[in-house]
Protein backbone atom coordinates (compact mmCIF):
# COMPACT_ATOMS: atom_id res chain seq x y z
CA MET A 1 5.29 -10.09 -19.83
CA GLN A 2 4.59 -13.39 -21.07
CA ARG A 3 6.36 -16.15 -19.13
CA GLU A 4 7.83 -18.87 -21.13
CA PRO A 5 7.07 -22.01 -20.45
CA VAL A 6 8.82 -23.69 -17.64
CA ARG A 7 8.94 -27.23 -18.46
CA LEU A 8 7.88 -29.25 -21.71
CA PRO A 9 4.28 -29.47 -21.26
CA VAL A 10 3.61 -33.01 -21.95
CA GLY A 11 0.10 -33.96 -20.10
CA ARG A 12 -1.45 -37.28 -20.58
CA LYS A 13 -3.46 -35.80 -23.66
CA ILE A 14 -0.57 -34.10 -25.33
CA ALA A 15 1.76 -37.29 -24.54
CA GLN A 16 -1.36 -39.76 -26.33
CA GLU A 17 -1.28 -37.77 -29.05
CA LEU A 18 2.63 -37.56 -29.41
CA PHE A 19 3.50 -41.50 -28.31
CA PRO A 20 0.02 -43.16 -29.23
CA GLN A 21 1.23 -46.50 -28.64
CA LYS A 22 -1.53 -48.18 -26.84
CA ASP A 23 -3.82 -46.79 -29.81
CA LEU A 24 -1.45 -47.66 -32.23
CA LEU A 25 -1.31 -51.37 -30.99
CA ARG A 26 -4.61 -51.98 -30.51
CA SER A 27 -5.88 -50.42 -33.69
CA GLN A 28 -2.85 -50.46 -36.07
CA VAL A 29 -0.29 -53.51 -34.93
CA HIS A 30 -1.10 -57.04 -35.24
CA GLU A 31 0.43 -60.52 -36.05
CA ARG A 32 -0.17 -59.76 -39.59
CA THR A 33 1.44 -55.98 -39.62
CA THR A 34 3.62 -55.95 -42.55
CA GLU A 35 7.22 -54.15 -42.55
CA LEU A 36 5.67 -51.48 -44.78
CA GLU A 37 3.00 -50.84 -42.63
CA ALA A 38 5.42 -50.83 -39.36
CA LEU A 39 7.90 -48.31 -41.14
CA ASN A 40 4.42 -46.19 -41.57
CA ILE A 41 3.71 -46.10 -38.10
CA ALA A 42 6.68 -45.19 -37.20
CA MET A 43 7.41 -42.60 -39.60
CA GLU A 44 4.00 -41.00 -38.57
CA LEU A 45 5.18 -41.09 -34.73
CA GLU A 46 8.47 -39.12 -35.82
CA ARG A 47 6.69 -36.67 -37.78
CA ARG A 48 4.26 -35.77 -34.55
CA SER A 49 7.64 -35.59 -32.47
CA HIS A 50 9.21 -33.11 -34.84
CA ARG A 51 6.10 -31.08 -35.42
CA TYR A 52 5.75 -30.78 -31.28
CA PHE A 53 9.38 -29.84 -30.57
CA LYS A 54 9.25 -27.18 -33.25
CA ASP A 55 5.86 -26.07 -32.26
CA PHE A 56 7.67 -25.94 -28.43
CA ALA A 57 10.75 -24.28 -29.99
CA GLY A 58 8.86 -21.34 -31.50
CA GLN A 59 7.02 -20.53 -28.15
CA LEU A 60 10.50 -20.08 -26.50
CA ARG A 61 11.93 -16.71 -26.51
CA ASP A 62 15.37 -17.42 -24.92
CA THR A 63 17.79 -18.21 -27.73
CA ARG A 64 19.25 -21.05 -26.10
CA SER A 65 16.19 -23.22 -24.87
CA ARG A 66 15.00 -22.63 -28.54
CA GLU A 67 18.00 -23.87 -30.13
CA LEU A 68 17.72 -27.11 -27.73
CA PHE A 69 14.03 -27.76 -28.99
CA MET A 70 14.88 -27.08 -32.39
CA GLU A 71 17.96 -29.77 -31.98
CA PHE A 72 15.35 -32.07 -30.57
CA ALA A 73 13.11 -31.45 -33.35
CA LYS A 74 15.90 -32.00 -36.13
CA GLU A 75 16.75 -35.33 -34.20
CA GLU A 76 13.15 -36.27 -35.37
CA GLN A 77 13.67 -35.22 -38.49
CA LEU A 78 16.70 -37.44 -39.03
CA HIS A 79 15.04 -40.39 -37.31
CA PHE A 80 12.04 -39.99 -40.20
CA GLU A 81 14.59 -39.26 -42.97
CA ALA A 82 16.11 -43.25 -41.70
CA LEU A 83 12.80 -44.77 -41.79
CA LEU A 84 12.03 -43.21 -45.04
CA LYS A 85 14.89 -44.76 -46.50
CA GLU A 86 14.07 -47.94 -44.98
CA TYR A 87 11.12 -47.58 -46.37
CA GLU A 88 12.20 -46.85 -49.79
CA ALA A 89 14.84 -49.71 -49.67
CA VAL A 90 12.19 -52.33 -48.95
CA ILE A 91 9.85 -50.75 -51.48
CA GLU A 92 12.90 -51.21 -54.40
CA GLY A 93 13.39 -54.75 -52.91
CA ARG A 94 10.16 -56.20 -54.07
């Protein structure tokens, strides 16, 4: 019998892939970062989080646990969609 993960497997490597703030701050975010660039960075982070939670949910056999992580994934998708609307509004306002 395969055991389900007991906790969310967020080791240092996974956390850095999901939330690469230090790397992003060093390489992409600076004083000259535009609003559109910042929105792109935020949307990429939401995409990564959504994918991670969805993939993790796919590993679970327990329906309740799977639904919980799918809810997390759904929330991340909603955040992405809100950022996308903001991005589009900025583009249209130009």
